Amino acid sequence: MKTRKPDWLRAKLPSGSAYSAVRKMVDENRLHTVCQSAQCPNMGECWSRGTATVMILGNICTRSCNFCAIQTGRPTELDLGEPARVADAVAKMNLRHCVITSVTRDELKDGGASVWAATIRAIRYRNPGTAIEVLTPDFRGKLDQIDTVLAAEPDIFNHNVETVERLQKPVRVQARYDRSLEVLRHAADQGHVTKSGIMLGLGETKPEIARTLKDMRATGIKIVTLGQYLQPSSRHLPVDRWVTPEEFEDWKE
């Protein structure tokens, strides 16, 4: 689908003092953000509001999802000072709610779970009043690694299913639909507030969306997000359709 984006998807250019402050904070603390690494078109709007999603465990992913612009390859050594710098950045931004995500590190014995836990605890120690939301990979379904993250007590545990079951392989070849649902179910069963999301515009049908929402709800999740898929580059999956604001409202109902 090679058509221009509809007007409702137009994003503002980066500008303003809040944007500059976030950029300075990211640079000074030597942090990565999913906003930059995933080439998110909403970066300017979010940063201008003084918000950003910090990405830990480096900026090179061991997986090669066909919707994602994050670099794939051999990751760098772990940065043991990263949790403290993330906590410092959250303090400087005076955030009431912070969102942390990461690349997938399948080559690590614990999948990076210990760094996840250290980051959550560092943020909590430095910023006791800040709500912490984590958006994690699937840790290859290893529940002990997920438990390591959960033991650090994030306020919201988020793991995205990303798309309907039929499109899992072309969209995120190294992941599995049932595994993602099990990750969410495991966290919810332990009493954690769980969250997940899917992208629309990849070729899914409305019955498939409804089935996916039903499957997600059955895991016990409390929060669901639906968003428009945007093609990061010509090397990634094309947009199949533009989902209207009216359709998103229908799904909200």
Protein backbone atom coordinates (compact mmCIF):
# COMPACT_ATOMS: atom_id res chain seq x y z
CA MET A 1 0.00 0.00 0.00
CA LYS A 2 1.84 3.10 -1.23
CA THR A 3 -0.45 5.94 -0.31
CA ARG A 4 0.22 9.02 1.74
CA LYS A 5 -0.69 8.96 5.39
CA PRO A 6 -4.17 10.27 6.18
CA ASP A 7 -4.46 13.62 7.91
CA TRP A 8 -5.31 12.08 11.28
CA LEU A 9 -1.84 10.47 11.38
CA ARG A 10 0.14 13.66 10.84
CA ALA A 11 2.71 14.14 13.61
CA LYS A 12 4.21 17.39 14.81
CA LEU A 13 7.85 18.21 14.14
CA PRO A 14 10.13 18.04 17.19
CA SER A 15 10.31 21.41 18.94
CA GLY A 16 10.03 23.27 22.22
CA SER A 17 11.87 23.42 25.51
CA ALA A 18 10.42 20.13 26.79
CA TYR A 19 11.68 18.30 23.69
CA SER A 20 15.13 19.83 24.13
CA ALA A 21 15.20 18.88 27.81
CA VAL A 22 14.32 15.26 27.08
CA ARG A 23 16.94 15.05 24.35
CA LYS A 24 19.58 16.52 26.67
CA MET A 25 18.64 14.11 29.46
CA VAL A 26 18.87 11.10 27.14
CA ASP A 27 22.24 12.18 25.78
CA GLU A 28 23.77 13.10 29.14
CA ASN A 29 22.69 9.84 30.76
CA ARG A 30 23.85 7.79 27.76
CA LEU A 31 20.45 6.17 27.43
CA HIS A 32 18.61 4.55 24.56
CA THR A 33 14.95 5.19 23.85
CA VAL A 34 12.58 3.06 21.82
CA CYS A 35 11.43 6.37 20.33
CA GLN A 36 14.78 6.79 18.56
CA SER A 37 15.72 3.17 17.92
CA ALA A 38 12.32 2.19 16.50
CA GLN A 39 12.09 5.45 14.51
CA CYS A 40 8.76 6.24 16.11
CA PRO A 41 6.93 9.01 14.22
CA ASN A 42 5.37 10.25 17.47
CA MET A 43 8.72 11.00 19.08
CA GLY A 44 8.46 14.75 18.56
CA GLU A 45 4.99 14.92 20.08
CA CYS A 46 5.86 12.77 23.10
CA TRP A 47 9.20 14.42 23.81
CA SER A 48 7.57 17.83 23.51
CA ARG A 49 5.30 16.73 26.38
CA GLY A 50 8.35 15.70 28.40
CA THR A 51 7.79 11.94 28.11
CA ALA A 52 9.91 9.15 26.65
CA THR A 53 10.09 5.35 26.81
CA VAL A 54 13.55 4.30 27.96
CA MET A 55 15.01 1.18 26.37
CA ILE A 56 17.44 -0.88 28.44
CA LEU A 57 19.91 -3.69 27.62
CA GLY A 58 21.43 -1.76 24.74
CA ASN A 59 20.05 -0.89 21.33
CA ILE A 60 20.81 -4.07 19.36
CA CYS A 61 18.21 -6.85 19.37
CA THR A 62 18.77 -10.57 18.87
CA ARG A 63 15.48 -10.87 17.00
CA SER A 64 14.44 -9.56 13.60
CA CYS A 65 10.74 -8.72 13.68
CA ASN A 66 9.49 -7.52 10.32
CA PHE A 67 7.57 -4.57 11.76
CA CYS A 68 10.36 -3.13 13.90
CA ALA A 69 13.21 -0.76 12.99
CA ILE A 70 15.43 -1.58 15.98
CA GLN A 71 18.82 -2.83 14.82
CA THR A 72 19.35 -6.60 14.77
CA GLY A 73 22.71 -8.24 15.41
CA ARG A 74 25.19 -9.20 18.10
CA PRO A 75 24.49 -7.06 21.18
CA THR A 76 27.16 -5.24 23.13
CA GLU A 77 28.34 -6.11 26.63
CA LEU A 78 25.92 -5.41 29.45
CA ASP A 79 26.19 -1.92 30.92
CA LEU A 80 25.99 -2.46 34.67
CA GLY A 81 25.68 1.27 35.32
CA GLU A 82 22.55 1.54 33.21
CA PRO A 83 19.94 0.96 35.98
CA ALA A 84 21.30 3.86 38.05
CA ARG A 85 21.39 6.18 35.03
CA VAL A 86 17.80 5.30 34.15
CA ALA A 87 16.72 6.05 37.72
CA ASP A 88 18.59 9.36 37.56
CA ALA A 89 16.88 10.28 34.30
CA VAL A 90 13.44 9.51 35.75
CA ALA A 91 14.28 11.78 38.70
CA LYS A 92 15.46 14.60 36.43
CA MET A 93 12.26 14.40 34.40
CA ASN A 94 10.20 14.32 37.62
CA LEU A 95 7.99 11.61 36.16
CA ARG A 96 4.87 10.37 37.91
CA HIS A 97 4.71 7.44 35.47
CA CYS A 98 7.68 5.96 33.63
CA VAL A 99 7.75 3.31 30.92
CA ILE A 100 10.74 1.00 30.49
CA THR A 101 11.21 -1.42 27.62
CA SER A 102 14.14 -3.37 26.20
CA VAL A 103 15.57 -5.12 23.21
CA THR A 104 15.35 -8.91 23.32
CA ARG A 105 18.56 -10.53 24.56
CA ASP A 106 18.12 -14.22 23.79
CA GLU A 107 21.87 -14.79 24.05
CA LEU A 108 21.92 -14.02 27.78
CA LYS A 109 21.43 -16.88 30.20
CA ASP A 110 18.64 -15.03 32.02
CA GLY A 111 17.43 -13.07 29.01
CA GLY A 112 18.39 -9.85 30.78
CA ALA A 113 15.86 -10.42 33.58
CA SER A 114 18.36 -9.48 36.30
CA VAL A 115 19.01 -6.12 34.63
CA TRP A 116 15.29 -5.58 34.35
CA ALA A 117 14.89 -6.21 38.09
CA ALA A 118 17.85 -3.99 38.96
CA THR A 119 16.41 -1.16 36.86
CA ILE A 120 12.98 -1.37 38.49
CA ARG A 121 14.51 -1.38 41.97
CA ALA A 122 16.84 1.53 41.15
CA ILE A 123 13.92 3.61 39.89
CA ARG A 124 11.83 2.73 42.94
CA TYR A 125 14.64 3.63 45.36
CA ARG A 126 15.35 6.98 43.69
CA ASN A 127 11.73 7.81 42.81
CA PRO A 128 9.40 6.16 45.35
CA GLY A 129 6.36 8.07 44.10
CA THR A 130 6.78 7.13 40.44
CA ALA A 131 4.59 4.44 38.88
CA ILE A 132 6.71 1.98 36.90
CA GLU A 133 5.37 0.32 33.76
CA VAL A 134 7.50 -2.33 32.08
CA LEU A 135 7.10 -3.50 28.48
CA THR A 136 9.04 -6.75 28.30
CA PRO A 137 9.99 -9.34 25.70
CA ASP A 138 8.68 -12.89 26.09
CA PHE A 139 11.91 -14.30 27.63
CA ARG A 140 11.30 -17.33 25.35
CA GLY A 141 8.50 -18.27 27.71
CA LYS A 142 10.85 -19.03 30.60
CA LEU A 143 8.64 -18.28 33.57
CA ASP A 144 11.51 -18.14 36.07
CA GLN A 145 12.95 -15.18 34.17
CA ILE A 146 9.56 -13.47 34.12
CA ASP A 147 9.33 -14.11 37.86
CA THR A 148 12.63 -12.28 38.33
CA VAL A 149 11.09 -9.19 36.74
CA LEU A 150 7.82 -9.54 38.64
CA ALA A 151 9.64 -9.92 41.96
CA ALA A 152 10.89 -6.34 41.55
CA GLU A 153 7.22 -5.30 41.67
CA PRO A 154 6.54 -3.10 38.66
CA ASP A 155 3.18 -1.33 38.84
CA ILE A 156 2.15 -2.46 35.35
CA PHE A 157 3.48 -5.50 33.48
CA ASN A 158 3.08 -5.04 29.73
CA HIS A 159 3.88 -7.59 27.04
CA ASN A 160 2.52 -7.02 23.55
CA VAL A 161 0.91 -9.77 21.50
CA GLU A 162 1.52 -7.41 18.54
CA THR A 163 -0.85 -8.99 15.98
CA VAL A 164 -3.47 -11.67 15.39
CA GLU A 165 -2.52 -15.35 15.51
CA ARG A 166 -2.48 -15.89 11.73
CA LEU A 167 0.03 -13.08 11.17
CA GLN A 168 2.45 -13.94 13.98
CA LYS A 169 5.07 -15.64 11.81
CA PRO A 170 5.37 -12.97 9.10
CA VAL A 171 5.23 -10.15 11.65
CA ARG A 172 7.47 -11.50 14.44
CA VAL A 173 9.01 -14.72 13.23
CA GLN A 174 10.82 -15.71 16.45
CA ALA A 175 7.81 -15.22 18.74
CA ARG A 176 4.65 -17.25 19.30
CA TYR A 177 1.07 -16.21 19.93
CA ASP A 178 0.40 -18.82 22.60
CA ARG A 179 3.67 -18.05 24.37
CA SER A 180 2.83 -14.37 24.65
CA LEU A 181 -0.59 -15.21 26.06
CA GLU A 182 1.02 -17.52 28.61
CA VAL A 183 3.44 -14.76 29.70
CA LEU A 184 0.48 -12.45 30.33
CA ARG A 185 -1.53 -15.15 32.08
CA HIS A 186 1.40 -16.01 34.36
CA ALA A 187 1.79 -12.39 35.46
CA ALA A 188 -1.95 -11.85 35.95
CA ASP A 189 -2.30 -15.07 37.95
CA GLN A 190 0.17 -13.64 40.46
CA GLY A 191 -1.98 -10.57 40.97
CA HIS A 192 -0.06 -8.11 38.80
CA VAL A 193 -1.79 -5.48 36.69
CA THR A 194 -1.15 -6.63 33.13
CA LYS A 195 -1.37 -4.87 29.79
CA SER A 196 -0.99 -5.83 26.14
CA GLY A 197 -1.50 -4.40 22.70
CA ILE A 198 -1.79 -5.18 19.01
CA MET A 199 -1.15 -3.25 15.82
CA LEU A 200 -3.84 -2.87 13.17
CA GLY A 201 -3.25 -2.41 9.46
CA LEU A 202 -1.14 -5.52 8.82
CA GLY A 203 -3.80 -7.50 6.96
CA GLU A 204 -5.87 -8.78 9.88
CA THR A 205 -9.65 -9.13 9.62
CA LYS A 206 -12.20 -7.80 12.08
CA PRO A 207 -13.19 -11.30 13.26
CA GLU A 208 -9.49 -11.99 13.89
CA ILE A 209 -9.18 -8.79 15.92
CA ALA A 210 -12.22 -9.75 17.98
CA ARG A 211 -10.80 -13.23 18.61
CA THR A 212 -7.44 -11.79 19.65
CA LEU A 213 -9.06 -9.38 22.09
CA LYS A 214 -11.06 -12.28 23.54
CA ASP A 215 -7.90 -14.38 23.92
CA MET A 216 -6.06 -11.49 25.56
CA ARG A 217 -8.92 -10.81 27.94
CA ALA A 218 -8.98 -14.48 28.94
CA THR A 219 -5.45 -14.11 30.35
CA GLY A 220 -6.72 -11.61 32.91
CA ILE A 221 -5.22 -8.44 31.47
CA LYS A 222 -6.61 -5.10 32.67
CA ILE A 223 -5.39 -2.75 29.92
CA VAL A 224 -5.45 -3.19 26.13
CA THR A 225 -4.06 -0.87 23.46
CA LEU A 226 -4.72 -0.89 19.72
CA GLY A 227 -2.63 1.20 17.35
CA GLN A 228 -2.05 1.82 13.67
CA TYR A 229 0.93 -0.04 12.19
CA LEU A 230 3.34 2.31 10.43
CA GLN A 231 6.02 0.96 8.09
CA PRO A 232 9.44 2.09 9.39
CA SER A 233 11.21 1.62 6.03
CA SER A 234 10.87 -0.06 2.65
CA ARG A 235 12.54 -3.16 4.13
CA HIS A 236 9.67 -3.71 6.55
CA LEU A 237 6.15 -5.03 6.09
CA PRO A 238 3.92 -2.65 4.13
CA VAL A 239 0.81 -1.06 5.60
CA ASP A 240 -2.23 -3.00 4.44
CA ARG A 241 -4.78 -0.33 5.38
CA TRP A 242 -5.25 2.86 7.36
CA VAL A 243 -7.56 2.29 10.30
CA THR A 244 -9.92 5.21 10.84
CA PRO A 245 -10.46 6.92 14.20
CA GLU A 246 -14.08 5.75 13.97
CA GLU A 247 -13.02 2.10 13.83
CA PHE A 248 -10.75 2.56 16.83
CA GLU A 249 -13.71 4.05 18.69
CA ASP A 250 -15.81 1.03 17.74
CA TRP A 251 -13.21 -1.31 19.22
CA LYS A 252 -13.05 0.84 22.32
CA GLU A 253 -16.74 0.23 22.85
